[in-house]
Amino acid sequence: MFGQGEDFARLVAQARALRAPHALLLVGGQGRGKSHALAVLAQALLCEAPGGEAACGTCAACRKVAQDGHPDLHSVGVPEGKKDIPVEEVRALESVLRLAPAEGRARVARIDPADRLNEEGQNALLKTLEEPRANTFLLLAARSAETLLATVRSRVQVVEVLPLREDQVRMRLRAAGIEAGDDEFAAAVLARGSLGLALDLLNPPARALAGELATFLAEPGSAGALGLVRAWLGGGEGRREVVQRAHLVLTVVRVLLEARLESSVEEPAARDAWIALAEGALQAERDLELGIAPEVALLELFTGAAGVTRG
């Protein structure tokens, strides 16, 4: 895991030797690399190659894990069209984890994102956490440990996926053929230390979106909001893709607003207005997670932007 240091390397070595904690919760912000870290640990737990402190990456087990096709790796996520991970998925997972490994040396369950488990689902998970079987491992990913119940947090080892340094992000971006540039938006993205976020936000379509949003936020008003929202969301095939586009718009908005607030020397009243708009973006994110139509969630935010003091 690039940029994660010796602590994570030791954890991978423990997984390779089947001495890792039976339940791990990896936490970190958007695009921090939590899903990749889960895959690294899953490969280490199931790798069939002799010796070594990390997965070989080439044996049959490693290849199956990489393709999410290993019979002893059980992945749980949010199903298409759902807001949360259904409790039935957790109960089915518990039944599978009570069985001996099908062909490998361990049973591994991967729940990502674990913060989309509702209270019933988290309570259903407690039995597995409280009564772990030998060579059975539970790998969870969430933006924050606080999104899970205290009873769950107390039974897992929390591991933070570290942000990368700006030079590390730039190096990976260059390897992917993306030059960050020196504008304020790129600087704000790079400062967050998230390679995934940088890859999402610094590609040409997202950079164009950032320019349009910056122009709109500089002189907000309800008069062109509907057309802009429809243009930003247009082209999505199915609700899932439209929701993903809406999340991208809101992420760009938050980065722009945070950059403005970090560098702003405006009067307190003006800063308060920008802070209120940033809070509105967070509310729009929550509305999307509650199933509110993306067009409605964004329109409410951008119509409200009319009251923001012009910068």
C-alpha atoms as a PDB file:
ATOM      1  CA  MET A   1       0.000   0.000   0.000  1.00  0.00           C
ATOM      2  CA  PHE A   2       1.664   3.140  -1.310  1.00  0.00           C
ATOM      3  CA  GLY A   3       2.192   5.797   1.360  1.00  0.00           C
ATOM      4  CA  GLN A   4       0.811   3.793   4.306  1.00  0.00           C
ATOM      5  CA  GLY A   5       4.053   3.265   6.191  1.00  0.00           C
ATOM      6  CA  GLU A   6       5.420   0.515   8.411  1.00  0.00           C
ATOM      7  CA  ASP A   7       2.323   0.035  10.568  1.00  0.00           C
ATOM      8  CA  PHE A   8       0.225  -1.074   7.624  1.00  0.00           C
ATOM      9  CA  ALA A   9       3.072  -3.237   6.309  1.00  0.00           C
ATOM     10  CA  ARG A  10       3.169  -5.027   9.679  1.00  0.00           C
ATOM     11  CA  LEU A  11      -0.592  -5.535   9.527  1.00  0.00           C
ATOM     12  CA  VAL A  12      -0.267  -7.107   6.075  1.00  0.00           C
ATOM     13  CA  ALA A  13       2.505  -9.384   7.384  1.00  0.00           C
ATOM     14  CA  GLN A  14       0.224 -10.436  10.254  1.00  0.00           C
ATOM     15  CA  ALA A  15      -2.536 -11.203   7.761  1.00  0.00           C
ATOM     16  CA  ARG A  16      -0.098 -13.227   5.655  1.00  0.00           C
ATOM     17  CA  ALA A  17       0.694 -15.320   8.746  1.00  0.00           C
ATOM     18  CA  LEU A  18      -3.029 -15.519   9.742  1.00  0.00           C
ATOM     19  CA  ARG A  19      -2.240 -13.616  12.932  1.00  0.00           C
ATOM     20  CA  ALA A  20      -4.173 -10.447  12.110  1.00  0.00           C
ATOM     21  CA  PRO A  21      -7.029  -9.293  14.373  1.00  0.00           C
ATOM     22  CA  HIS A  22     -10.195 -11.149  13.426  1.00  0.00           C
ATOM     23  CA  ALA A  23     -12.065  -7.872  12.759  1.00  0.00           C
ATOM     24  CA  LEU A  24     -10.529  -4.764  11.182  1.00  0.00           C
ATOM     25  CA  LEU A  25     -12.214  -1.446  10.438  1.00  0.00           C
ATOM     26  CA  LEU A  26     -10.351   0.705   7.920  1.00  0.00           C
ATOM     27  CA  VAL A  27     -11.358   4.365   8.085  1.00  0.00           C
ATOM     28  CA  GLY A  28     -10.555   7.392   5.948  1.00  0.00           C
ATOM     29  CA  GLY A  29     -12.085  10.070   3.772  1.00  0.00           C
ATOM     30  CA  GLN A  30     -13.408   9.759   0.241  1.00  0.00           C
ATOM     31  CA  GLY A  31     -10.910   8.353  -2.244  1.00  0.00           C
ATOM     32  CA  ARG A  32      -8.363   7.580   0.481  1.00  0.00           C
ATOM     33  CA  GLY A  33      -7.869   3.998  -0.765  1.00  0.00           C
ATOM     34  CA  LYS A  34      -9.889   2.000   1.769  1.00  0.00           C
ATOM     35  CA  SER A  35     -11.257  -0.464  -0.793  1.00  0.00           C
ATOM     36  CA  HIS A  36      -7.782  -1.084  -2.173  1.00  0.00           C
ATOM     37  CA  ALA A  37      -6.455  -1.626   1.360  1.00  0.00           C
ATOM     38  CA  LEU A  38      -9.184  -4.215   1.973  1.00  0.00           C
ATOM     39  CA  ALA A  39      -8.144  -6.027  -1.216  1.00  0.00           C
ATOM     40  CA  VAL A  40      -4.486  -6.025  -0.119  1.00  0.00           C
ATOM     41  CA  LEU A  41      -5.424  -7.571   3.226  1.00  0.00           C
ATOM     42  CA  ALA A  42      -7.783 -10.103   1.645  1.00  0.00           C
ATOM     43  CA  GLN A  43      -5.040 -11.248  -0.717  1.00  0.00           C
ATOM     44  CA  ALA A  44      -2.584 -11.558   2.174  1.00  0.00           C
ATOM     45  CA  LEU A  45      -5.064 -13.705   4.126  1.00  0.00           C
ATOM     46  CA  LEU A  46      -5.806 -16.037   1.199  1.00  0.00           C
ATOM     47  CA  CYS A  47      -2.485 -16.135  -0.699  1.00  0.00           C
ATOM     48  CA  GLU A  48      -1.281 -19.708  -1.273  1.00  0.00           C
ATOM     49  CA  ALA A  49       2.388 -18.966  -2.010  1.00  0.00           C
ATOM     50  CA  PRO A  50       4.868 -20.180   0.645  1.00  0.00           C
ATOM     51  CA  GLY A  51       6.566 -17.601   2.869  1.00  0.00           C
ATOM     52  CA  GLY A  52       6.673 -13.861   2.389  1.00  0.00           C
ATOM     53  CA  GLU A  53       5.249 -10.906   4.313  1.00  0.00           C
ATOM     54  CA  ALA A  54       2.711  -9.892   1.647  1.00  0.00           C
ATOM     55  CA  ALA A  55       0.591 -11.606  -0.970  1.00  0.00           C
ATOM     56  CA  CYS A  56       2.469 -12.839  -4.019  1.00  0.00           C
ATOM     57  CA  GLY A  57      -0.199 -11.421  -6.341  1.00  0.00           C
ATOM     58  CA  THR A  58       0.271 -14.199  -8.903  1.00  0.00           C
ATOM     59  CA  CYS A  59      -0.966 -17.453  -7.365  1.00  0.00           C
ATOM     60  CA  ALA A  60      -4.414 -18.798  -8.187  1.00  0.00           C
ATOM     61  CA  ALA A  61      -5.842 -17.504  -4.891  1.00  0.00           C
ATOM     62  CA  CYS A  62      -4.460 -13.989  -5.402  1.00  0.00           C
ATOM     63  CA  ARG A  63      -5.859 -13.847  -8.928  1.00  0.00           C
ATOM     64  CA  LYS A  64      -9.281 -14.976  -7.698  1.00  0.00           C
ATOM     65  CA  VAL A  65      -9.277 -12.327  -4.955  1.00  0.00           C
ATOM     66  CA  ALA A  66      -8.345  -9.651  -7.497  1.00  0.00           C
ATOM     67  CA  GLN A  67     -11.350 -10.705  -9.589  1.00  0.00           C
ATOM     68  CA  ASP A  68     -13.595 -10.994  -6.487  1.00  0.00           C
ATOM     69  CA  GLY A  69     -14.075 -14.642  -7.398  1.00  0.00           C
ATOM     70  CA  HIS A  70     -12.491 -16.541  -4.515  1.00  0.00           C
ATOM     71  CA  PRO A  71     -15.008 -18.897  -2.855  1.00  0.00           C
ATOM     72  CA  ASP A  72     -13.675 -17.990   0.595  1.00  0.00           C
ATOM     73  CA  LEU A  73     -13.926 -14.217   0.061  1.00  0.00           C
ATOM     74  CA  HIS A  74     -17.431 -12.929   0.670  1.00  0.00           C
ATOM     75  CA  SER A  75     -18.082  -9.309  -0.298  1.00  0.00           C
ATOM     76  CA  VAL A  76     -21.065  -7.320   0.933  1.00  0.00           C
ATOM     77  CA  GLY A  77     -22.023  -3.880  -0.359  1.00  0.00           C
ATOM     78  CA  VAL A  78     -25.065  -1.742  -1.116  1.00  0.00           C
ATOM     79  CA  PRO A  79     -27.226  -3.496  -3.741  1.00  0.00           C
ATOM     80  CA  GLU A  80     -28.368  -1.653  -6.848  1.00  0.00           C
ATOM     81  CA  GLY A  81     -31.322   0.584  -6.046  1.00  0.00           C
ATOM     82  CA  LYS A  82     -30.856   0.368  -2.253  1.00  0.00           C
ATOM     83  CA  LYS A  83     -29.757   3.031   0.223  1.00  0.00           C
ATOM     84  CA  ASP A  84     -28.413   0.640   2.848  1.00  0.00           C
ATOM     85  CA  ILE A  85     -26.982  -2.842   3.113  1.00  0.00           C
ATOM     86  CA  PRO A  86     -29.998  -5.064   3.880  1.00  0.00           C
ATOM     87  CA  VAL A  87     -29.881  -6.987   7.153  1.00  0.00           C
ATOM     88  CA  GLU A  88     -30.578 -10.154   5.159  1.00  0.00           C
ATOM     89  CA  GLU A  89     -27.153  -9.769   3.528  1.00  0.00           C
ATOM     90  CA  VAL A  90     -25.520  -9.734   6.958  1.00  0.00           C
ATOM     91  CA  ARG A  91     -27.439 -12.776   8.148  1.00  0.00           C
ATOM     92  CA  ALA A  92     -26.519 -14.682   4.987  1.00  0.00           C
ATOM     93  CA  LEU A  93     -22.887 -13.708   5.554  1.00  0.00           C
ATOM     94  CA  GLU A  94     -22.992 -15.046   9.120  1.00  0.00           C
ATOM     95  CA  SER A  95     -24.275 -18.396   7.871  1.00  0.00           C
ATOM     96  CA  VAL A  96     -21.422 -18.681   5.373  1.00  0.00           C
ATOM     97  CA  LEU A  97     -18.778 -17.713   7.922  1.00  0.00           C
ATOM     98  CA  ARG A  98     -19.830 -20.596  10.191  1.00  0.00           C
ATOM     99  CA  LEU A  99     -18.619 -23.048   7.530  1.00  0.00           C
ATOM    100  CA  ALA A 100     -15.064 -24.279   7.047  1.00  0.00           C
ATOM    101  CA  PRO A 101     -13.075 -22.690   4.188  1.00  0.00           C
ATOM    102  CA  ALA A 102     -14.134 -24.050   0.799  1.00  0.00           C
ATOM    103  CA  GLU A 103     -10.652 -24.253  -0.715  1.00  0.00           C
ATOM    104  CA  GLY A 104      -8.369 -21.763   0.974  1.00  0.00           C
ATOM    105  CA  ARG A 105      -6.781 -21.359   4.371  1.00  0.00           C
ATOM    106  CA  ALA A 106      -9.278 -18.849   5.773  1.00  0.00           C
ATOM    107  CA  ARG A 107     -12.733 -17.352   5.429  1.00  0.00           C
ATOM    108  CA  VAL A 108     -12.714 -13.615   4.718  1.00  0.00           C
ATOM    109  CA  ALA A 109     -15.711 -11.269   4.742  1.00  0.00           C
ATOM    110  CA  ARG A 110     -15.424  -7.790   3.234  1.00  0.00           C
ATOM    111  CA  ILE A 111     -18.095  -5.177   4.030  1.00  0.00           C
ATOM    112  CA  ASP A 112     -17.662  -1.956   2.083  1.00  0.00           C
ATOM    113  CA  PRO A 113     -19.002   0.585   2.909  1.00  0.00           C
ATOM    114  CA  ALA A 114     -19.740  -0.580   6.449  1.00  0.00           C
ATOM    115  CA  ASP A 115     -21.234   2.815   7.330  1.00  0.00           C
ATOM    116  CA  ARG A 116     -24.164   1.873   5.097  1.00  0.00           C
ATOM    117  CA  LEU A 117     -25.166  -0.844   7.544  1.00  0.00           C
ATOM    118  CA  ASN A 118     -28.260   0.327   9.387  1.00  0.00           C
ATOM    119  CA  GLU A 119     -28.683  -0.316  13.112  1.00  0.00           C
ATOM    120  CA  GLU A 120     -30.397  -3.658  12.531  1.00  0.00           C
ATOM    121  CA  GLY A 121     -27.615  -4.793  10.225  1.00  0.00           C
ATOM    122  CA  GLN A 122     -24.909  -3.758  12.679  1.00  0.00           C
ATOM    123  CA  ASN A 123     -26.637  -5.586  15.511  1.00  0.00           C
ATOM    124  CA  ALA A 124     -26.879  -8.695  13.319  1.00  0.00           C
ATOM    125  CA  LEU A 125     -23.122  -8.456  12.774  1.00  0.00           C
ATOM    126  CA  LEU A 126     -22.392  -8.577  16.487  1.00  0.00           C
ATOM    127  CA  LYS A 127     -22.700 -12.369  16.720  1.00  0.00           C
ATOM    128  CA  THR A 128     -19.853 -12.811  14.239  1.00  0.00           C
ATOM    129  CA  LEU A 129     -17.803 -10.178  16.047  1.00  0.00           C
ATOM    130  CA  GLU A 130     -18.406 -11.713  19.468  1.00  0.00           C
ATOM    131  CA  GLU A 131     -17.881 -15.375  18.510  1.00  0.00           C
ATOM    132  CA  PRO A 132     -15.238 -15.452  15.763  1.00  0.00           C
ATOM    133  CA  ARG A 133     -14.285 -18.839  14.347  1.00  0.00           C
ATOM    134  CA  ALA A 134     -10.665 -19.815  13.838  1.00  0.00           C
ATOM    135  CA  ASN A 135      -9.158 -18.391  10.642  1.00  0.00           C
ATOM    136  CA  THR A 136     -12.221 -16.248   9.987  1.00  0.00           C
ATOM    137  CA  PHE A 137     -11.607 -12.561   9.333  1.00  0.00           C
ATOM    138  CA  LEU A 138     -13.955  -9.609   8.941  1.00  0.00           C
ATOM    139  CA  LEU A 139     -12.718  -6.589   6.965  1.00  0.00           C
ATOM    140  CA  LEU A 140     -14.788  -3.381   7.138  1.00  0.00           C
ATOM    141  CA  ALA A 141     -14.356   0.025   5.517  1.00  0.00           C
ATOM    142  CA  ALA A 142     -16.033   3.282   6.560  1.00  0.00           C
ATOM    143  CA  ARG A 143     -15.380   6.994   6.334  1.00  0.00           C
ATOM    144  CA  SER A 144     -15.369   7.249  10.122  1.00  0.00           C
ATOM    145  CA  ALA A 145     -15.549   4.834  13.045  1.00  0.00           C
ATOM    146  CA  GLU A 146     -18.179   7.091  14.629  1.00  0.00           C
ATOM    147  CA  THR A 147     -20.666   6.099  11.929  1.00  0.00           C
ATOM    148  CA  LEU A 148     -20.883   2.640  13.539  1.00  0.00           C
ATOM    149  CA  LEU A 149     -22.487   1.622  16.824  1.00  0.00           C
ATOM    150  CA  ALA A 150     -20.300   1.695  19.921  1.00  0.00           C
ATOM    151  CA  THR A 151     -20.925  -2.043  20.377  1.00  0.00           C
ATOM    152  CA  VAL A 152     -19.424  -2.661  16.920  1.00  0.00           C
ATOM    153  CA  ARG A 153     -16.510  -0.230  17.391  1.00  0.00           C
ATOM    154  CA  SER A 154     -15.508  -1.923  20.625  1.00  0.00           C
ATOM    155  CA  ARG A 155     -15.108  -5.270  18.845  1.00  0.00           C
ATOM    156  CA  VAL A 156     -12.965  -4.191  15.905  1.00  0.00           C
ATOM    157  CA  GLN A 157      -9.454  -2.828  15.544  1.00  0.00           C
ATOM    158  CA  VAL A 158      -9.649   0.570  13.853  1.00  0.00           C
ATOM    159  CA  VAL A 159      -6.964   1.327  11.264  1.00  0.00           C
ATOM    160  CA  GLU A 160      -6.720   4.755   9.631  1.00  0.00           C
ATOM    161  CA  VAL A 161      -5.857   4.807   5.935  1.00  0.00           C
ATOM    162  CA  LEU A 162      -3.424   7.713   5.853  1.00  0.00           C
ATOM    163  CA  PRO A 163      -3.639  10.685   3.499  1.00  0.00           C
ATOM    164  CA  LEU A 164      -0.808  10.927   0.995  1.00  0.00           C
ATOM    165  CA  ARG A 165       1.639  13.800   0.840  1.00  0.00           C
ATOM    166  CA  GLU A 166       1.052  16.249  -2.003  1.00  0.00           C
ATOM    167  CA  ASP A 167       4.198  15.097  -3.814  1.00  0.00           C
ATOM    168  CA  GLN A 168       3.021  11.474  -3.602  1.00  0.00           C
ATOM    169  CA  VAL A 169      -0.350  12.390  -5.098  1.00  0.00           C
ATOM    170  CA  ARG A 170       1.333  14.363  -7.889  1.00  0.00           C
ATOM    171  CA  MET A 171       3.612  11.417  -8.679  1.00  0.00           C
ATOM    172  CA  ARG A 172       0.680   9.009  -8.998  1.00  0.00           C
ATOM    173  CA  LEU A 173      -1.281  11.498 -11.081  1.00  0.00           C
ATOM    174  CA  ARG A 174       1.617  11.885 -13.506  1.00  0.00           C
ATOM    175  CA  ALA A 175       1.820   8.098 -13.794  1.00  0.00           C
ATOM    176  CA  ALA A 176      -1.875   8.155 -14.753  1.00  0.00           C
ATOM    177  CA  GLY A 177      -1.253  10.861 -17.357  1.00  0.00           C
ATOM    178  CA  ILE A 178      -2.839  13.708 -15.347  1.00  0.00           C
ATOM    179  CA  GLU A 179      -1.064  17.001 -14.664  1.00  0.00           C
ATOM    180  CA  ALA A 180      -2.548  18.841 -11.701  1.00  0.00           C
ATOM    181  CA  GLY A 181      -1.543  22.366 -12.698  1.00  0.00           C
ATOM    182  CA  ASP A 182      -1.173  25.273 -10.293  1.00  0.00           C
ATOM    183  CA  ASP A 183      -4.687  26.685 -10.008  1.00  0.00           C
ATOM    184  CA  GLU A 184      -6.468  27.083  -6.680  1.00  0.00           C
ATOM    185  CA  PHE A 185      -8.851  24.176  -7.301  1.00  0.00           C
ATOM    186  CA  ALA A 186      -6.023  21.714  -8.032  1.00  0.00           C
ATOM    187  CA  ALA A 187      -4.134  22.907  -4.964  1.00  0.00           C
ATOM    188  CA  ALA A 188      -7.194  22.338  -2.788  1.00  0.00           C
ATOM    189  CA  VAL A 189      -7.687  18.813  -4.166  1.00  0.00           C
ATOM    190  CA  LEU A 190      -4.015  17.883  -3.721  1.00  0.00           C
ATOM    191  CA  ALA A 191      -3.997  19.180  -0.152  1.00  0.00           C
ATOM    192  CA  ARG A 192      -6.538  16.547   0.855  1.00  0.00           C
ATOM    193  CA  GLY A 193      -4.052  13.747   0.271  1.00  0.00           C
ATOM    194  CA  SER A 194      -6.548  11.492  -1.490  1.00  0.00           C
ATOM    195  CA  LEU A 195      -5.393   9.870  -4.715  1.00  0.00           C
ATOM    196  CA  GLY A 196      -8.877   8.605  -5.571  1.00  0.00           C
ATOM    197  CA  LEU A 197     -10.404  12.048  -5.068  1.00  0.00           C
ATOM    198  CA  ALA A 198      -7.647  13.665  -7.131  1.00  0.00           C
ATOM    199  CA  LEU A 199      -8.181  11.176  -9.979  1.00  0.00           C
ATOM    200  CA  ASP A 200     -11.912  11.918  -9.910  1.00  0.00           C
ATOM    201  CA  LEU A 201     -11.658  15.701  -9.700  1.00  0.00           C
ATOM    202  CA  LEU A 202      -8.645  16.524 -11.857  1.00  0.00           C
ATOM    203  CA  ASN A 203      -9.705  14.738 -15.033  1.00  0.00           C
ATOM    204  CA  PRO A 204     -10.799  17.133 -17.840  1.00  0.00           C
ATOM    205  CA  PRO A 205     -14.620  16.777 -17.420  1.00  0.00           C
ATOM    206  CA  ALA A 206     -14.437  17.424 -13.668  1.00  0.00           C
ATOM    207  CA  ARG A 207     -12.053  20.356 -14.169  1.00  0.00           C
ATOM    208  CA  ALA A 208     -14.536  21.863 -16.629  1.00  0.00           C
ATOM    209  CA  LEU A 209     -17.298  21.335 -14.079  1.00  0.00           C
ATOM    210  CA  ALA A 210     -15.184  23.068 -11.437  1.00  0.00           C
ATOM    211  CA  GLY A 211     -14.789  26.081 -13.714  1.00  0.00           C
ATOM    212  CA  GLU A 212     -18.546  26.320 -14.313  1.00  0.00           C
ATOM    213  CA  LEU A 213     -19.304  25.950 -10.616  1.00  0.00           C
ATOM    214  CA  ALA A 214     -16.708  28.549  -9.645  1.00  0.00           C
ATOM    215  CA  THR A 215     -18.313  31.009 -12.075  1.00  0.00           C
ATOM    216  CA  PHE A 216     -21.777  30.264 -10.722  1.00  0.00           C
ATOM    217  CA  LEU A 217     -20.718  30.565  -7.068  1.00  0.00           C
ATOM    218  CA  ALA A 218     -18.964  33.877  -7.765  1.00  0.00           C
ATOM    219  CA  GLU A 219     -22.304  35.361  -8.825  1.00  0.00           C
ATOM    220  CA  PRO A 220     -25.004  32.998  -7.588  1.00  0.00           C
ATOM    221  CA  GLY A 221     -28.616  33.326  -8.496  1.00  0.00           C
ATOM    222  CA  SER A 222     -31.629  31.139  -9.047  1.00  0.00           C
ATOM    223  CA  ALA A 223     -32.078  32.309 -12.671  1.00  0.00           C
ATOM    224  CA  GLY A 224     -29.913  29.715 -14.497  1.00  0.00           C
ATOM    225  CA  ALA A 225     -29.725  27.109 -11.737  1.00  0.00           C
ATOM    226  CA  LEU A 226     -32.251  24.720 -13.268  1.00  0.00           C
ATOM    227  CA  GLY A 227     -30.518  24.661 -16.657  1.00  0.00           C
ATOM    228  CA  LEU A 228     -27.108  24.202 -15.079  1.00  0.00           C
ATOM    229  CA  VAL A 229     -28.287  21.391 -12.808  1.00  0.00           C
ATOM    230  CA  ARG A 230     -29.883  19.558 -15.717  1.00  0.00           C
ATOM    231  CA  ALA A 231     -26.743  20.011 -17.814  1.00  0.00           C
ATOM    232  CA  TRP A 232     -24.517  18.686 -15.015  1.00  0.00           C
ATOM    233  CA  LEU A 233     -26.736  15.659 -14.429  1.00  0.00           C
ATOM    234  CA  GLY A 234     -27.536  15.032 -18.095  1.00  0.00           C
ATOM    235  CA  GLY A 235     -26.246  11.999 -19.905  1.00  0.00           C
ATOM    236  CA  GLY A 236     -26.481   9.645 -16.952  1.00  0.00           C
ATOM    237  CA  GLU A 237     -27.897   6.241 -17.798  1.00  0.00           C
ATOM    238  CA  GLY A 238     -30.171   5.186 -14.944  1.00  0.00           C
ATOM    239  CA  ARG A 239     -30.624   6.610 -11.475  1.00  0.00           C
ATOM    240  CA  ARG A 240     -27.375   5.188 -10.100  1.00  0.00           C
ATOM    241  CA  GLU A 241     -25.232   7.092 -12.600  1.00  0.00           C
ATOM    242  CA  VAL A 242     -27.241  10.292 -12.136  1.00  0.00           C
ATOM    243  CA  VAL A 243     -26.752  10.029  -8.359  1.00  0.00           C
ATOM    244  CA  GLN A 244     -23.012   9.509  -8.901  1.00  0.00           C
ATOM    245  CA  ARG A 245     -22.913  12.663 -11.050  1.00  0.00           C
ATOM    246  CA  ALA A 246     -24.758  14.587  -8.336  1.00  0.00           C
ATOM    247  CA  HIS A 247     -22.232  13.404  -5.734  1.00  0.00           C
ATOM    248  CA  LEU A 248     -19.405  14.573  -8.010  1.00  0.00           C
ATOM    249  CA  VAL A 249     -21.016  18.023  -8.340  1.00  0.00           C
ATOM    250  CA  LEU A 250     -21.359  18.287  -4.563  1.00  0.00           C
ATOM    251  CA  THR A 251     -17.785  17.135  -3.988  1.00  0.00           C
ATOM    252  CA  VAL A 252     -16.518  19.822  -6.368  1.00  0.00           C
ATOM    253  CA  VAL A 253     -18.682  22.408  -4.593  1.00  0.00           C
ATOM    254  CA  ARG A 254     -17.252  21.441  -1.199  1.00  0.00           C
ATOM    255  CA  VAL A 255     -13.664  21.612  -2.441  1.00  0.00           C
ATOM    256  CA  LEU A 256     -14.259  25.041  -3.984  1.00  0.00           C
ATOM    257  CA  LEU A 257     -15.949  26.379  -0.861  1.00  0.00           C
ATOM    258  CA  GLU A 258     -13.339  24.950   1.500  1.00  0.00           C
ATOM    259  CA  ALA A 259     -10.555  26.493  -0.612  1.00  0.00           C
ATOM    260  CA  ARG A 260     -12.334  29.834  -0.544  1.00  0.00           C
ATOM    261  CA  LEU A 261     -12.848  29.701   3.225  1.00  0.00           C
ATOM    262  CA  GLU A 262      -9.237  28.678   3.866  1.00  0.00           C
ATOM    263  CA  SER A 263      -7.884  31.633   1.875  1.00  0.00           C
ATOM    264  CA  SER A 264     -10.645  34.172   2.447  1.00  0.00           C
ATOM    265  CA  VAL A 265     -10.140  37.550   4.138  1.00  0.00           C
ATOM    266  CA  GLU A 266     -13.778  38.537   3.744  1.00  0.00           C
ATOM    267  CA  GLU A 267     -15.927  40.196   6.379  1.00  0.00           C
ATOM    268  CA  PRO A 268     -17.447  37.851   9.001  1.00  0.00           C
ATOM    269  CA  ALA A 269     -20.943  38.173   7.512  1.00  0.00           C
ATOM    270  CA  ALA A 270     -19.678  37.091   4.091  1.00  0.00           C
ATOM    271  CA  ARG A 271     -17.749  34.173   5.590  1.00  0.00           C
ATOM    272  CA  ASP A 272     -20.872  33.099   7.472  1.00  0.00           C
ATOM    273  CA  ALA A 273     -22.775  33.029   4.187  1.00  0.00           C
ATOM    274  CA  TRP A 274     -20.143  30.818   2.534  1.00  0.00           C
ATOM    275  CA  ILE A 275     -20.113  28.508   5.563  1.00  0.00           C
ATOM    276  CA  ALA A 276     -23.898  28.231   5.307  1.00  0.00           C
ATOM    277  CA  LEU A 277     -23.541  27.255   1.653  1.00  0.00           C
ATOM    278  CA  ALA A 278     -20.961  24.591   2.561  1.00  0.00           C
ATOM    279  CA  GLU A 279     -23.393  23.220   5.142  1.00  0.00           C
ATOM    280  CA  GLY A 280     -26.074  23.242   2.442  1.00  0.00           C
ATOM    281  CA  ALA A 281     -23.838  21.041   0.279  1.00  0.00           C
ATOM    282  CA  LEU A 282     -23.536  18.559   3.143  1.00  0.00           C
ATOM    283  CA  GLN A 283     -27.317  18.586   3.546  1.00  0.00           C
ATOM    284  CA  ALA A 284     -27.702  17.890  -0.170  1.00  0.00           C
ATOM    285  CA  GLU A 285     -25.406  14.850   0.266  1.00  0.00           C
ATOM    286  CA  ARG A 286     -27.647  13.602   3.077  1.00  0.00           C
ATOM    287  CA  ASP A 287     -30.733  14.206   0.917  1.00  0.00           C
ATOM    288  CA  LEU A 288     -29.249  12.047  -1.841  1.00  0.00           C
ATOM    289  CA  GLU A 289     -28.593   9.249   0.645  1.00  0.00           C
ATOM    290  CA  LEU A 290     -32.215   9.506   1.789  1.00  0.00           C
ATOM    291  CA  GLY A 291     -33.395   8.962  -1.779  1.00  0.00           C
ATOM    292  CA  ILE A 292     -34.268  12.567  -2.667  1.00  0.00           C
ATOM    293  CA  ALA A 293     -34.161  13.103  -6.441  1.00  0.00           C
ATOM    294  CA  PRO A 294     -30.716  14.466  -7.461  1.00  0.00           C
ATOM    295  CA  GLU A 295     -32.230  17.359  -9.438  1.00  0.00           C
ATOM    296  CA  VAL A 296     -34.292  18.414  -6.408  1.00  0.00           C
ATOM    297  CA  ALA A 297     -31.342  18.174  -4.008  1.00  0.00           C
ATOM    298  CA  LEU A 298     -29.048  20.259  -6.221  1.00  0.00           C
ATOM    299  CA  LEU A 299     -31.706  22.825  -7.098  1.00  0.00           C
ATOM    300  CA  GLU A 300     -32.411  23.470  -3.431  1.00  0.00           C
ATOM    301  CA  LEU A 301     -28.710  24.058  -2.826  1.00  0.00           C
ATOM    302  CA  PHE A 302     -28.082  26.321  -5.812  1.00  0.00           C
ATOM    303  CA  THR A 303     -31.289  28.294  -5.410  1.00  0.00           C
ATOM    304  CA  GLY A 304     -30.200  28.939  -1.817  1.00  0.00           C
ATOM    305  CA  ALA A 305     -26.840  30.154  -3.111  1.00  0.00           C
ATOM    306  CA  ALA A 306     -28.578  33.323  -4.301  1.00  0.00           C
ATOM    307  CA  GLY A 307     -28.254  34.704  -0.793  1.00  0.00           C
ATOM    308  CA  VAL A 308     -24.487  34.254  -0.617  1.00  0.00           C
ATOM    309  CA  THR A 309     -22.455  37.443  -0.619  1.00  0.00           C
ATOM    310  CA  ARG A 310     -20.716  37.932  -3.942  1.00  0.00           C
ATOM    311  CA  GLY A 311     -16.982  37.258  -3.692  1.00  0.00           C
END
